Amino acid sequence: MTGQRSDARRNYRRILAAAEAEVAARGAEASLEQIARAAGVGSATVRRHFPTRRALLEAVFQERIESMGEHAHRLSATEDARTALVEWLRALVAYAVSARGFASTLSYEPPVEEPSPQSCGERIEAAGTPLLQRAMRDKAVAAHVTIHDLLTLTVGIALATEHHKDPGAQADRLFRLAVEGLSPERGADGAPGGLGTSAEDRSHKRV
């Protein structure tokens, strides 16, 4: 039994390492069969550890999801609530652009009969929601903005720029534009503008 458990752990690590490489190369559509071949195991072994493609992708991005949660927690101590929210969203955009397949994972809607509170999307929402709520309490973000709105925005930017010659720079530019809105006099550095604030709201907010 001990030997079987040891073999299972080794297979899990090999499958995960192969999956990370394949997802980095091919994105969320990486073939489970190719992952199995690269790991030196059968497809049935892959499916025993990861019953669905989504379960495999969740495992691939597990570490970075935890990191984004920790980053949100650190930013919660930032004095300016809007700056904290914008910085976290910018970091999320940057990671979604650099890690192929991550944006597709966040944009995936799981079947309603199979809720997954530990999914990438659910955990990212849980990390970002306190930052948004604090910004709302400070009246730095309009009350109608939801965390789903903001995650849809970040995912959309990442997906729209993934084939750009410089996806990181283009994604950051689009993110800044989204935060700034159409005002030529405000920036994406925590200053008023964007994130659903009205002109009247912005006129009463400090820089």
N, C-alpha and C. Protein backbone atom coordinates (compact mmCIF):
# COMPACT_ATOMS: atom_id res chain seq x y z
N MET A 1 0.83 -1.21 0.00
CA MET A 1 0.00 0.00 0.00
C MET A 1 0.86 1.25 0.00
N THR A 2 1.94 1.22 0.84
CA THR A 2 2.82 2.38 0.89
C THR A 2 3.47 2.63 -0.45
N GLY A 3 3.89 1.52 -1.12
CA GLY A 3 4.51 1.65 -2.43
C GLY A 3 3.54 2.21 -3.45
N GLN A 4 2.27 1.80 -3.37
CA GLN A 4 1.25 2.30 -4.29
C GLN A 4 1.02 3.80 -4.08
N ARG A 5 0.97 4.21 -2.81
CA ARG A 5 0.78 5.63 -2.53
C ARG A 5 1.96 6.45 -3.03
N SER A 6 3.17 5.91 -2.86
CA SER A 6 4.36 6.59 -3.33
C SER A 6 4.35 6.73 -4.85
N ASP A 7 3.94 5.65 -5.54
CA ASP A 7 3.84 5.70 -7.00
C ASP A 7 2.80 6.73 -7.43
N ALA A 8 1.69 6.77 -6.72
CA ALA A 8 0.63 7.72 -7.06
C ALA A 8 1.12 9.15 -6.89
N ARG A 9 1.87 9.42 -5.82
CA ARG A 9 2.41 10.77 -5.61
C ARG A 9 3.39 11.14 -6.70
N ARG A 10 4.23 10.18 -7.07
CA ARG A 10 5.20 10.45 -8.16
C ARG A 10 4.47 10.73 -9.46
N ASN A 11 3.46 9.93 -9.76
CA ASN A 11 2.70 10.15 -10.98
C ASN A 11 2.01 11.51 -10.97
N TYR A 12 1.46 11.88 -9.82
CA TYR A 12 0.80 13.18 -9.70
C TYR A 12 1.78 14.30 -10.03
N ARG A 13 2.97 14.24 -9.44
CA ARG A 13 3.96 15.29 -9.68
C ARG A 13 4.40 15.31 -11.13
N ARG A 14 4.58 14.12 -11.73
CA ARG A 14 4.99 14.07 -13.14
C ARG A 14 3.91 14.62 -14.05
N ILE A 15 2.66 14.26 -13.77
CA ILE A 15 1.55 14.76 -14.59
C ILE A 15 1.45 16.27 -14.46
N LEU A 16 1.57 16.79 -13.24
CA LEU A 16 1.44 18.22 -13.03
C LEU A 16 2.57 18.98 -13.73
N ALA A 17 3.79 18.45 -13.65
CA ALA A 17 4.93 19.10 -14.32
C ALA A 17 4.72 19.11 -15.83
N ALA A 18 4.25 17.99 -16.38
CA ALA A 18 4.00 17.92 -17.81
C ALA A 18 2.86 18.86 -18.20
N ALA A 19 1.83 18.93 -17.36
CA ALA A 19 0.70 19.80 -17.64
C ALA A 19 1.13 21.27 -17.64
N GLU A 20 1.96 21.65 -16.68
CA GLU A 20 2.44 23.04 -16.63
C GLU A 20 3.17 23.41 -17.91
N ALA A 21 4.01 22.48 -18.41
CA ALA A 21 4.76 22.75 -19.64
C ALA A 21 3.83 22.83 -20.85
N GLU A 22 2.87 21.92 -20.93
CA GLU A 22 1.95 21.91 -22.07
C GLU A 22 1.03 23.12 -22.07
N VAL A 23 0.53 23.50 -20.90
CA VAL A 23 -0.35 24.66 -20.82
C VAL A 23 0.43 25.92 -21.16
N ALA A 24 1.68 26.00 -20.71
CA ALA A 24 2.50 27.16 -21.05
C ALA A 24 2.71 27.26 -22.55
N ALA A 25 2.83 26.11 -23.23
CA ALA A 25 3.07 26.10 -24.66
C ALA A 25 1.80 26.25 -25.49
N ARG A 26 0.70 25.66 -25.01
CA ARG A 26 -0.50 25.57 -25.85
C ARG A 26 -1.74 26.24 -25.25
N GLY A 27 -1.66 26.70 -24.01
CA GLY A 27 -2.80 27.33 -23.38
C GLY A 27 -3.77 26.31 -22.80
N ALA A 28 -4.98 26.77 -22.51
CA ALA A 28 -5.97 25.94 -21.82
C ALA A 28 -6.42 24.74 -22.64
N GLU A 29 -6.16 24.75 -23.94
CA GLU A 29 -6.58 23.63 -24.80
C GLU A 29 -5.53 22.54 -24.91
N ALA A 30 -4.53 22.57 -24.05
CA ALA A 30 -3.49 21.53 -24.07
C ALA A 30 -4.14 20.15 -23.99
N SER A 31 -3.66 19.24 -24.83
CA SER A 31 -4.25 17.91 -24.93
C SER A 31 -3.90 17.06 -23.71
N LEU A 32 -4.92 16.43 -23.12
CA LEU A 32 -4.68 15.52 -22.00
C LEU A 32 -3.86 14.32 -22.44
N GLU A 33 -4.06 13.90 -23.68
CA GLU A 33 -3.30 12.77 -24.19
C GLU A 33 -1.81 13.11 -24.30
N GLN A 34 -1.51 14.32 -24.80
CA GLN A 34 -0.13 14.75 -24.90
C GLN A 34 0.50 14.92 -23.52
N ILE A 35 -0.27 15.41 -22.59
CA ILE A 35 0.21 15.55 -21.22
C ILE A 35 0.55 14.17 -20.65
N ALA A 36 -0.30 13.20 -20.92
CA ALA A 36 -0.05 11.83 -20.45
C ALA A 36 1.24 11.28 -21.06
N ARG A 37 1.43 11.49 -22.37
CA ARG A 37 2.65 11.00 -23.03
C ARG A 37 3.88 11.68 -22.45
N ALA A 38 3.80 12.99 -22.25
CA ALA A 38 4.95 13.72 -21.71
C ALA A 38 5.27 13.28 -20.29
N ALA A 39 4.26 12.90 -19.54
CA ALA A 39 4.48 12.45 -18.16
C ALA A 39 4.88 10.99 -18.09
N GLY A 40 4.76 10.26 -19.21
CA GLY A 40 5.11 8.85 -19.23
C GLY A 40 4.10 7.96 -18.55
N VAL A 41 2.83 8.39 -18.59
CA VAL A 41 1.76 7.59 -17.98
C VAL A 41 0.63 7.44 -18.98
N GLY A 42 -0.33 6.60 -18.65
CA GLY A 42 -1.48 6.43 -19.52
C GLY A 42 -2.53 7.50 -19.29
N SER A 43 -3.39 7.69 -20.26
CA SER A 43 -4.46 8.67 -20.13
C SER A 43 -5.36 8.36 -18.95
N ALA A 44 -5.56 7.07 -18.67
CA ALA A 44 -6.41 6.68 -17.54
C ALA A 44 -5.80 7.14 -16.22
N THR A 45 -4.48 7.13 -16.14
CA THR A 45 -3.80 7.60 -14.92
C THR A 45 -4.00 9.10 -14.73
N VAL A 46 -3.91 9.84 -15.84
CA VAL A 46 -4.15 11.29 -15.77
C VAL A 46 -5.57 11.54 -15.27
N ARG A 47 -6.53 10.84 -15.82
CA ARG A 47 -7.94 11.08 -15.45
C ARG A 47 -8.25 10.59 -14.04
N ARG A 48 -7.47 9.64 -13.55
CA ARG A 48 -7.68 9.20 -12.17
C ARG A 48 -7.29 10.31 -11.18
N HIS A 49 -6.22 11.03 -11.51
CA HIS A 49 -5.78 12.14 -10.66
C HIS A 49 -6.58 13.41 -10.94
N PHE A 50 -6.92 13.62 -12.21
CA PHE A 50 -7.63 14.84 -12.62
C PHE A 50 -8.81 14.43 -13.50
N PRO A 51 -9.97 14.23 -12.91
CA PRO A 51 -11.13 13.71 -13.66
C PRO A 51 -11.57 14.60 -14.83
N THR A 52 -11.30 15.89 -14.74
CA THR A 52 -11.69 16.81 -15.80
C THR A 52 -10.52 17.71 -16.18
N ARG A 53 -10.60 18.28 -17.37
CA ARG A 53 -9.58 19.24 -17.80
C ARG A 53 -9.52 20.42 -16.81
N ARG A 54 -10.69 20.84 -16.34
CA ARG A 54 -10.73 21.96 -15.41
C ARG A 54 -9.97 21.64 -14.12
N ALA A 55 -10.14 20.43 -13.62
CA ALA A 55 -9.44 20.04 -12.39
C ALA A 55 -7.93 20.11 -12.59
N LEU A 56 -7.47 19.73 -13.78
CA LEU A 56 -6.04 19.79 -14.08
C LEU A 56 -5.56 21.23 -14.15
N LEU A 57 -6.34 22.08 -14.81
CA LEU A 57 -5.96 23.49 -14.91
C LEU A 57 -5.95 24.16 -13.54
N GLU A 58 -6.91 23.81 -12.69
CA GLU A 58 -6.94 24.36 -11.34
C GLU A 58 -5.64 24.03 -10.62
N ALA A 59 -5.18 22.79 -10.78
CA ALA A 59 -3.94 22.38 -10.11
C ALA A 59 -2.73 23.10 -10.68
N VAL A 60 -2.71 23.30 -12.00
CA VAL A 60 -1.60 24.00 -12.64
C VAL A 60 -1.44 25.41 -12.08
N PHE A 61 -2.56 26.09 -11.85
CA PHE A 61 -2.52 27.49 -11.43
C PHE A 61 -2.67 27.68 -9.93
N GLN A 62 -2.67 26.58 -9.19
CA GLN A 62 -2.90 26.64 -7.75
C GLN A 62 -1.95 27.59 -7.03
N GLU A 63 -0.68 27.46 -7.30
CA GLU A 63 0.31 28.26 -6.58
C GLU A 63 0.13 29.75 -6.84
N ARG A 64 -0.13 30.10 -8.10
CA ARG A 64 -0.27 31.52 -8.41
C ARG A 64 -1.57 32.10 -7.85
N ILE A 65 -2.62 31.28 -7.79
CA ILE A 65 -3.87 31.72 -7.18
C ILE A 65 -3.62 32.08 -5.72
N GLU A 66 -2.87 31.23 -5.04
CA GLU A 66 -2.54 31.51 -3.64
C GLU A 66 -1.74 32.79 -3.52
N SER A 67 -0.81 32.98 -4.44
CA SER A 67 0.02 34.19 -4.43
C SER A 67 -0.83 35.44 -4.62
N MET A 68 -1.82 35.38 -5.54
CA MET A 68 -2.68 36.53 -5.77
C MET A 68 -3.53 36.83 -4.53
N GLY A 69 -3.92 35.78 -3.82
CA GLY A 69 -4.67 35.97 -2.58
C GLY A 69 -3.82 36.65 -1.52
N GLU A 70 -2.57 36.22 -1.42
CA GLU A 70 -1.66 36.83 -0.45
C GLU A 70 -1.37 38.28 -0.82
N HIS A 71 -1.25 38.54 -2.12
CA HIS A 71 -1.00 39.91 -2.58
C HIS A 71 -2.18 40.82 -2.21
N ALA A 72 -3.39 40.31 -2.39
CA ALA A 72 -4.58 41.09 -2.03
C ALA A 72 -4.59 41.37 -0.53
N HIS A 73 -4.21 40.39 0.26
CA HIS A 73 -4.18 40.58 1.72
C HIS A 73 -3.17 41.65 2.11
N ARG A 74 -1.99 41.64 1.49
CA ARG A 74 -0.99 42.66 1.79
C ARG A 74 -1.49 44.05 1.40
N LEU A 75 -2.14 44.13 0.25
CA LEU A 75 -2.62 45.41 -0.24
C LEU A 75 -3.76 45.97 0.62
N SER A 76 -4.42 45.11 1.38
CA SER A 76 -5.52 45.58 2.23
C SER A 76 -5.03 46.55 3.29
N ALA A 77 -3.71 46.56 3.54
CA ALA A 77 -3.15 47.49 4.52
C ALA A 77 -2.76 48.82 3.88
N THR A 78 -2.86 48.91 2.54
CA THR A 78 -2.53 50.15 1.85
C THR A 78 -3.52 51.24 2.24
N GLU A 79 -3.02 52.44 2.51
CA GLU A 79 -3.89 53.52 2.99
C GLU A 79 -4.97 53.87 1.99
N ASP A 80 -4.62 54.01 0.72
CA ASP A 80 -5.59 54.39 -0.30
C ASP A 80 -6.25 53.14 -0.88
N ALA A 81 -7.55 53.00 -0.62
CA ALA A 81 -8.26 51.79 -1.02
C ALA A 81 -8.32 51.62 -2.53
N ARG A 82 -8.46 52.73 -3.25
CA ARG A 82 -8.55 52.65 -4.70
C ARG A 82 -7.21 52.23 -5.31
N THR A 83 -6.13 52.79 -4.78
CA THR A 83 -4.80 52.40 -5.24
C THR A 83 -4.58 50.91 -5.03
N ALA A 84 -5.00 50.39 -3.88
CA ALA A 84 -4.83 48.97 -3.58
C ALA A 84 -5.58 48.10 -4.59
N LEU A 85 -6.82 48.47 -4.88
CA LEU A 85 -7.63 47.70 -5.83
C LEU A 85 -7.02 47.74 -7.22
N VAL A 86 -6.63 48.92 -7.67
CA VAL A 86 -6.06 49.06 -9.01
C VAL A 86 -4.75 48.28 -9.13
N GLU A 87 -3.91 48.34 -8.09
CA GLU A 87 -2.63 47.62 -8.15
C GLU A 87 -2.86 46.12 -8.23
N TRP A 88 -3.83 45.62 -7.48
CA TRP A 88 -4.12 44.18 -7.51
C TRP A 88 -4.66 43.76 -8.87
N LEU A 89 -5.56 44.55 -9.42
CA LEU A 89 -6.11 44.23 -10.75
C LEU A 89 -5.02 44.27 -11.82
N ARG A 90 -4.11 45.24 -11.72
CA ARG A 90 -3.02 45.31 -12.69
C ARG A 90 -2.14 44.06 -12.59
N ALA A 91 -1.86 43.62 -11.37
CA ALA A 91 -1.06 42.40 -11.18
C ALA A 91 -1.78 41.18 -11.77
N LEU A 92 -3.10 41.15 -11.62
CA LEU A 92 -3.88 40.04 -12.17
C LEU A 92 -3.84 40.04 -13.70
N VAL A 93 -3.96 41.22 -14.30
CA VAL A 93 -3.84 41.33 -15.76
C VAL A 93 -2.47 40.84 -16.22
N ALA A 94 -1.42 41.29 -15.54
CA ALA A 94 -0.05 40.91 -15.92
C ALA A 94 0.13 39.40 -15.85
N TYR A 95 -0.39 38.77 -14.80
CA TYR A 95 -0.23 37.33 -14.70
C TYR A 95 -1.06 36.60 -15.74
N ALA A 96 -2.30 37.07 -15.97
CA ALA A 96 -3.15 36.42 -16.96
C ALA A 96 -2.55 36.49 -18.35
N VAL A 97 -1.80 37.55 -18.63
CA VAL A 97 -1.12 37.69 -19.92
C VAL A 97 0.09 36.76 -19.99
N SER A 98 0.83 36.65 -18.91
CA SER A 98 2.08 35.87 -18.93
C SER A 98 1.84 34.37 -18.83
N ALA A 99 0.74 33.96 -18.23
CA ALA A 99 0.46 32.53 -18.03
C ALA A 99 -0.62 32.07 -18.99
N ARG A 100 -0.22 31.46 -20.08
CA ARG A 100 -1.20 31.02 -21.07
C ARG A 100 -2.18 30.05 -20.45
N GLY A 101 -3.45 30.23 -20.76
CA GLY A 101 -4.48 29.35 -20.25
C GLY A 101 -5.16 29.86 -19.00
N PHE A 102 -4.52 30.78 -18.28
CA PHE A 102 -5.10 31.25 -17.03
C PHE A 102 -6.36 32.06 -17.27
N ALA A 103 -6.32 32.97 -18.22
CA ALA A 103 -7.50 33.79 -18.51
C ALA A 103 -8.66 32.91 -18.95
N SER A 104 -8.38 31.89 -19.77
CA SER A 104 -9.45 30.99 -20.20
C SER A 104 -10.05 30.24 -19.02
N THR A 105 -9.22 29.90 -18.05
CA THR A 105 -9.72 29.21 -16.87
C THR A 105 -10.65 30.11 -16.07
N LEU A 106 -10.28 31.37 -15.92
CA LEU A 106 -11.12 32.30 -15.17
C LEU A 106 -12.44 32.58 -15.90
N SER A 107 -12.41 32.55 -17.22
CA SER A 107 -13.61 32.89 -17.99
C SER A 107 -14.54 31.69 -18.14
N TYR A 108 -14.10 30.52 -17.71
CA TYR A 108 -14.91 29.30 -17.83
C TYR A 108 -16.02 29.32 -16.78
N GLU A 109 -17.24 29.05 -17.22
CA GLU A 109 -18.38 29.00 -16.30
C GLU A 109 -18.68 27.54 -15.98
N PRO A 110 -18.45 27.10 -14.74
CA PRO A 110 -18.70 25.70 -14.39
C PRO A 110 -20.20 25.38 -14.41
N PRO A 111 -20.55 24.13 -14.68
CA PRO A 111 -21.96 23.75 -14.67
C PRO A 111 -22.58 24.04 -13.30
N VAL A 112 -23.84 24.50 -13.29
CA VAL A 112 -24.45 24.88 -12.02
C VAL A 112 -24.63 23.69 -11.09
N GLU A 113 -24.72 22.48 -11.67
CA GLU A 113 -24.90 21.31 -10.82
C GLU A 113 -23.59 20.85 -10.19
N GLU A 114 -22.48 21.48 -10.56
CA GLU A 114 -21.19 21.10 -9.99
C GLU A 114 -20.48 22.33 -9.45
N PRO A 115 -21.02 22.95 -8.39
CA PRO A 115 -20.38 24.14 -7.84
C PRO A 115 -18.99 23.80 -7.34
N SER A 116 -18.06 24.70 -7.53
CA SER A 116 -16.68 24.48 -7.12
C SER A 116 -16.16 25.70 -6.37
N PRO A 117 -16.41 25.77 -5.06
CA PRO A 117 -16.00 26.95 -4.30
C PRO A 117 -14.50 27.15 -4.28
N GLN A 118 -13.73 26.10 -4.62
CA GLN A 118 -12.28 26.23 -4.62
C GLN A 118 -11.73 26.44 -6.03
N SER A 119 -12.60 26.75 -6.99
CA SER A 119 -12.14 26.97 -8.36
C SER A 119 -11.31 28.23 -8.44
N CYS A 120 -10.54 28.36 -9.53
CA CYS A 120 -9.71 29.55 -9.73
C CYS A 120 -10.56 30.81 -9.64
N GLY A 121 -11.68 30.82 -10.37
CA GLY A 121 -12.53 32.00 -10.40
C GLY A 121 -13.07 32.36 -9.04
N GLU A 122 -13.56 31.37 -8.31
CA GLU A 122 -14.13 31.62 -6.99
C GLU A 122 -13.06 32.15 -6.03
N ARG A 123 -11.87 31.61 -6.09
CA ARG A 123 -10.82 32.03 -5.16
C ARG A 123 -10.29 33.42 -5.52
N ILE A 124 -10.22 33.73 -6.82
CA ILE A 124 -9.80 35.07 -7.22
C ILE A 124 -10.86 36.09 -6.80
N GLU A 125 -12.13 35.75 -6.97
CA GLU A 125 -13.20 36.63 -6.52
C GLU A 125 -13.11 36.87 -5.01
N ALA A 126 -12.87 35.81 -4.27
CA ALA A 126 -12.77 35.94 -2.82
C ALA A 126 -11.60 36.83 -2.41
N ALA A 127 -10.51 36.77 -3.17
CA ALA A 127 -9.34 37.59 -2.86
C ALA A 127 -9.60 39.06 -3.16
N GLY A 128 -10.26 39.33 -4.29
CA GLY A 128 -10.44 40.71 -4.71
C GLY A 128 -11.63 41.43 -4.09
N THR A 129 -12.62 40.68 -3.63
CA THR A 129 -13.85 41.30 -3.11
C THR A 129 -13.60 42.24 -1.93
N PRO A 130 -12.77 41.88 -0.94
CA PRO A 130 -12.54 42.82 0.16
C PRO A 130 -11.90 44.14 -0.30
N LEU A 131 -11.03 44.08 -1.30
CA LEU A 131 -10.43 45.30 -1.82
C LEU A 131 -11.48 46.19 -2.48
N LEU A 132 -12.37 45.57 -3.24
CA LEU A 132 -13.44 46.34 -3.89
C LEU A 132 -14.39 46.93 -2.85
N GLN A 133 -14.76 46.13 -1.87
CA GLN A 133 -15.69 46.61 -0.84
C GLN A 133 -15.11 47.79 -0.07
N ARG A 134 -13.81 47.73 0.23
CA ARG A 134 -13.18 48.84 0.96
C ARG A 134 -13.16 50.10 0.10
N ALA A 135 -12.87 49.94 -1.21
CA ALA A 135 -12.87 51.09 -2.11
C ALA A 135 -14.27 51.68 -2.22
N MET A 136 -15.29 50.84 -2.19
CA MET A 136 -16.66 51.34 -2.23
C MET A 136 -17.00 52.10 -0.95
N ARG A 137 -16.57 51.56 0.19
CA ARG A 137 -16.85 52.25 1.45
C ARG A 137 -16.20 53.64 1.48
N ASP A 138 -15.05 53.74 0.82
CA ASP A 138 -14.35 55.03 0.74
C ASP A 138 -14.89 55.90 -0.39
N LYS A 139 -15.92 55.40 -1.07
CA LYS A 139 -16.54 56.11 -2.19
C LYS A 139 -15.52 56.41 -3.31
N ALA A 140 -14.57 55.50 -3.47
CA ALA A 140 -13.57 55.62 -4.53
C ALA A 140 -13.98 54.83 -5.77
N VAL A 141 -14.98 53.98 -5.62
CA VAL A 141 -15.51 53.17 -6.71
C VAL A 141 -17.03 53.22 -6.62
N ALA A 142 -17.69 53.32 -7.75
CA ALA A 142 -19.16 53.40 -7.77
C ALA A 142 -19.79 52.13 -7.19
N ALA A 143 -20.92 52.30 -6.55
CA ALA A 143 -21.58 51.20 -5.85
C ALA A 143 -22.08 50.11 -6.78
N HIS A 144 -22.27 50.42 -8.06
CA HIS A 144 -22.81 49.41 -8.98
C HIS A 144 -21.73 48.48 -9.55
N VAL A 145 -20.46 48.77 -9.30
CA VAL A 145 -19.38 47.92 -9.82
C VAL A 145 -19.32 46.63 -9.01
N THR A 146 -19.19 45.50 -9.70
CA THR A 146 -19.06 44.21 -9.02
C THR A 146 -17.69 43.61 -9.28
N ILE A 147 -17.30 42.68 -8.42
CA ILE A 147 -16.01 42.01 -8.63
C ILE A 147 -16.05 41.21 -9.93
N HIS A 148 -17.22 40.71 -10.30
CA HIS A 148 -17.33 39.98 -11.56
C HIS A 148 -17.09 40.91 -12.74
N ASP A 149 -17.56 42.16 -12.64
CA ASP A 149 -17.28 43.15 -13.69
C ASP A 149 -15.78 43.31 -13.87
N LEU A 150 -15.08 43.46 -12.76
CA LEU A 150 -13.65 43.75 -12.82
C LEU A 150 -12.86 42.53 -13.32
N LEU A 151 -13.27 41.34 -12.92
CA LEU A 151 -12.58 40.14 -13.40
C LEU A 151 -12.87 39.91 -14.88
N THR A 152 -14.10 40.20 -15.31
CA THR A 152 -14.42 40.09 -16.73
C THR A 152 -13.55 41.04 -17.54
N LEU A 153 -13.34 42.24 -17.01
CA LEU A 153 -12.49 43.22 -17.68
C LEU A 153 -11.05 42.72 -17.79
N THR A 154 -10.50 42.19 -16.70
CA THR A 154 -9.11 41.74 -16.74
C THR A 154 -8.95 40.54 -17.67
N VAL A 155 -9.90 39.60 -17.61
CA VAL A 155 -9.85 38.43 -18.48
C VAL A 155 -9.96 38.86 -19.94
N GLY A 156 -10.88 39.79 -20.22
CA GLY A 156 -11.05 40.26 -21.59
C GLY A 156 -9.80 40.90 -22.14
N ILE A 157 -9.13 41.70 -21.33
CA ILE A 157 -7.88 42.34 -21.76
C ILE A 157 -6.82 41.28 -22.06
N ALA A 158 -6.71 40.29 -21.18
CA ALA A 158 -5.70 39.24 -21.38
C ALA A 158 -5.97 38.45 -22.65
N LEU A 159 -7.22 38.07 -22.87
CA LEU A 159 -7.56 37.28 -24.06
C LEU A 159 -7.40 38.11 -25.35
N ALA A 160 -7.73 39.39 -25.26
CA ALA A 160 -7.66 40.24 -26.45
C ALA A 160 -6.23 40.53 -26.88
N THR A 161 -5.28 40.41 -25.98
CA THR A 161 -3.90 40.79 -26.29
C THR A 161 -2.94 39.61 -26.39
N GLU A 162 -3.43 38.39 -26.22
CA GLU A 162 -2.51 37.25 -26.13
C GLU A 162 -1.72 37.01 -27.42
N HIS A 163 -2.22 37.48 -28.57
CA HIS A 163 -1.48 37.29 -29.82
C HIS A 163 -0.80 38.57 -30.30
N HIS A 164 -0.81 39.58 -29.46
CA HIS A 164 -0.15 40.84 -29.81
C HIS A 164 1.36 40.63 -29.77
N LYS A 165 2.11 41.43 -30.55
CA LYS A 165 3.57 41.25 -30.58
C LYS A 165 4.21 41.55 -29.23
N ASP A 166 3.58 42.41 -28.43
CA ASP A 166 4.04 42.69 -27.07
C ASP A 166 2.82 42.68 -26.15
N PRO A 167 2.33 41.48 -25.82
CA PRO A 167 1.06 41.39 -25.09
C PRO A 167 1.09 42.07 -23.73
N GLY A 168 2.22 42.01 -23.04
CA GLY A 168 2.30 42.63 -21.73
C GLY A 168 2.10 44.13 -21.78
N ALA A 169 2.81 44.78 -22.70
CA ALA A 169 2.71 46.23 -22.83
C ALA A 169 1.32 46.65 -23.31
N GLN A 170 0.78 45.90 -24.28
CA GLN A 170 -0.55 46.24 -24.80
C GLN A 170 -1.62 46.05 -23.74
N ALA A 171 -1.51 44.97 -22.97
CA ALA A 171 -2.50 44.71 -21.92
C ALA A 171 -2.45 45.80 -20.86
N ASP A 172 -1.24 46.22 -20.49
CA ASP A 172 -1.12 47.28 -19.49
C ASP A 172 -1.71 48.58 -20.01
N ARG A 173 -1.48 48.86 -21.29
CA ARG A 173 -2.05 50.08 -21.89
C ARG A 173 -3.57 50.05 -21.85
N LEU A 174 -4.16 48.91 -22.21
CA LEU A 174 -5.61 48.80 -22.21
C LEU A 174 -6.16 48.88 -20.78
N PHE A 175 -5.43 48.29 -19.85
CA PHE A 175 -5.88 48.35 -18.46
C PHE A 175 -5.87 49.80 -17.97
N ARG A 176 -4.81 50.53 -18.29
CA ARG A 176 -4.74 51.94 -17.89
C ARG A 176 -5.89 52.74 -18.52
N LEU A 177 -6.17 52.46 -19.77
CA LEU A 177 -7.26 53.15 -20.44
C LEU A 177 -8.59 52.85 -19.76
N ALA A 178 -8.79 51.60 -19.38
CA ALA A 178 -10.03 51.21 -18.71
C ALA A 178 -10.16 51.92 -17.36
N VAL A 179 -9.06 52.04 -16.64
CA VAL A 179 -9.09 52.68 -15.32
C VAL A 179 -9.25 54.18 -15.44
N GLU A 180 -8.55 54.76 -16.41
CA GLU A 180 -8.61 56.21 -16.59
C GLU A 180 -9.95 56.67 -17.16
N GLY A 181 -10.60 55.81 -17.92
CA GLY A 181 -11.78 56.23 -18.65
C GLY A 181 -11.34 57.11 -19.81
N LEU A 182 -12.15 58.06 -20.19
CA LEU A 182 -11.83 58.93 -21.32
C LEU A 182 -11.25 60.27 -20.89
N SER A 183 -11.05 60.44 -19.60
CA SER A 183 -10.50 61.71 -19.12
C SER A 183 -9.03 61.82 -19.47
N PRO A 184 -8.59 62.95 -20.06
CA PRO A 184 -7.18 63.11 -20.41
C PRO A 184 -6.31 63.56 -19.24
N GLU A 185 -6.93 63.81 -18.08
CA GLU A 185 -6.17 64.43 -17.00
C GLU A 185 -6.00 63.57 -15.77
N ARG A 186 -6.42 62.30 -15.85
CA ARG A 186 -6.27 61.42 -14.70
C ARG A 186 -5.51 60.16 -15.12
N GLY A 187 -4.84 59.54 -14.16
CA GLY A 187 -4.04 58.37 -14.48
C GLY A 187 -4.51 57.13 -13.75
N ALA A 188 -3.83 56.00 -14.03
CA ALA A 188 -4.18 54.73 -13.41
C ALA A 188 -3.29 54.46 -12.22
N ASP A 189 -3.00 55.51 -11.46
CA ASP A 189 -2.09 55.37 -10.32
C ASP A 189 -2.82 55.53 -9.01
N GLY A 190 -4.14 55.34 -9.05
CA GLY A 190 -4.93 55.51 -7.86
C GLY A 190 -5.68 56.82 -7.85
N ALA A 191 -5.42 57.70 -8.83
CA ALA A 191 -6.13 58.97 -8.91
C ALA A 191 -7.55 58.73 -9.38
N PRO A 192 -8.47 59.65 -9.09
CA PRO A 192 -9.86 59.48 -9.53
C PRO A 192 -9.97 59.32 -11.03
N GLY A 193 -10.96 58.56 -11.45
CA GLY A 193 -11.20 58.31 -12.87
C GLY A 193 -11.37 56.83 -13.11
N GLY A 194 -12.32 56.44 -13.93
CA GLY A 194 -12.52 55.03 -14.23
C GLY A 194 -13.16 54.27 -13.08
N LEU A 195 -13.19 52.94 -13.21
CA LEU A 195 -13.77 52.03 -12.23
C LEU A 195 -15.18 52.43 -11.83
N GLY A 196 -15.89 53.00 -12.79
CA GLY A 196 -17.31 53.24 -12.57
C GLY A 196 -17.63 54.53 -11.84
N THR A 197 -16.65 55.39 -11.57
CA THR A 197 -16.95 56.63 -10.88
C THR A 197 -17.53 57.63 -11.85
N SER A 198 -18.48 58.40 -11.40
CA SER A 198 -19.09 59.43 -12.24
C SER A 198 -18.26 60.69 -12.19
N ALA A 199 -18.54 61.62 -13.12
CA ALA A 199 -17.81 62.88 -13.13
C ALA A 199 -18.03 63.63 -11.82
N GLU A 200 -19.26 63.56 -11.29
CA GLU A 200 -19.55 64.25 -10.03
C GLU A 200 -18.78 63.62 -8.88
N ASP A 201 -18.74 62.26 -8.87
CA ASP A 201 -17.98 61.58 -7.82
C ASP A 201 -16.52 61.98 -7.88
N ARG A 202 -15.95 61.99 -9.10
CA ARG A 202 -14.53 62.25 -9.24
C ARG A 202 -14.18 63.67 -8.80
N SER A 203 -15.11 64.57 -9.03
CA SER A 203 -14.81 65.97 -8.70
C SER A 203 -14.67 66.17 -7.19
N HIS A 204 -15.17 65.22 -6.41
CA HIS A 204 -15.09 65.35 -4.96
C HIS A 204 -14.02 64.47 -4.35
N LYS A 205 -13.29 63.72 -5.20
CA LYS A 205 -12.27 62.81 -4.67
C LYS A 205 -10.90 63.45 -4.77
N ARG A 206 -10.07 63.13 -3.79
CA ARG A 206 -8.72 63.66 -3.78
C ARG A 206 -7.85 62.88 -4.75
N VAL A 207 -6.73 63.45 -5.18
CA VAL A 207 -5.78 62.77 -6.06
C VAL A 207 -4.91 61.87 -5.23
